[in-house]
């Protein structure tokens, strides 16, 4: 059975030159989303200088990805998409160690499942980012 990573109910969009990505820790079952106003809530900032229409598709808490044993696979928070480019994104707000390793594992697991459901050669560019509000230069 194929997995739909581009579910309409999991999508929000922006064409502003600057917007943020949020993942509310106070609402752990709420999917990540685009925010255009509340800068203090942003875990990652997107600089969209050419004001492309950008779609964000939430994955964690929106797309079910199960392992062979039926347990939930660890997933990244979402995918930014514009034109034929994809950016897998994991959002963190941590000062503790290990966040890069965990984030990379989440990106990798999500990409492997994505690749098994889509022809990745149809995309001009696919990248992955682990973003941490506490480490903005990382």
Foldseek 3Di string as FASTA:
>chain_A
DAWDQPDPVQKDKWLDQKWAKAQDPVPNLDAIDIGRPPPVRGQDMDGNNVSFIKMKGAPRNPTFDADPVGDGDQAARTWIDGDQEIEGEHGAADPDPDQVVSNVRRHVVHVVSVVVRDPNVSGPYYYYDYTYSVCRPD
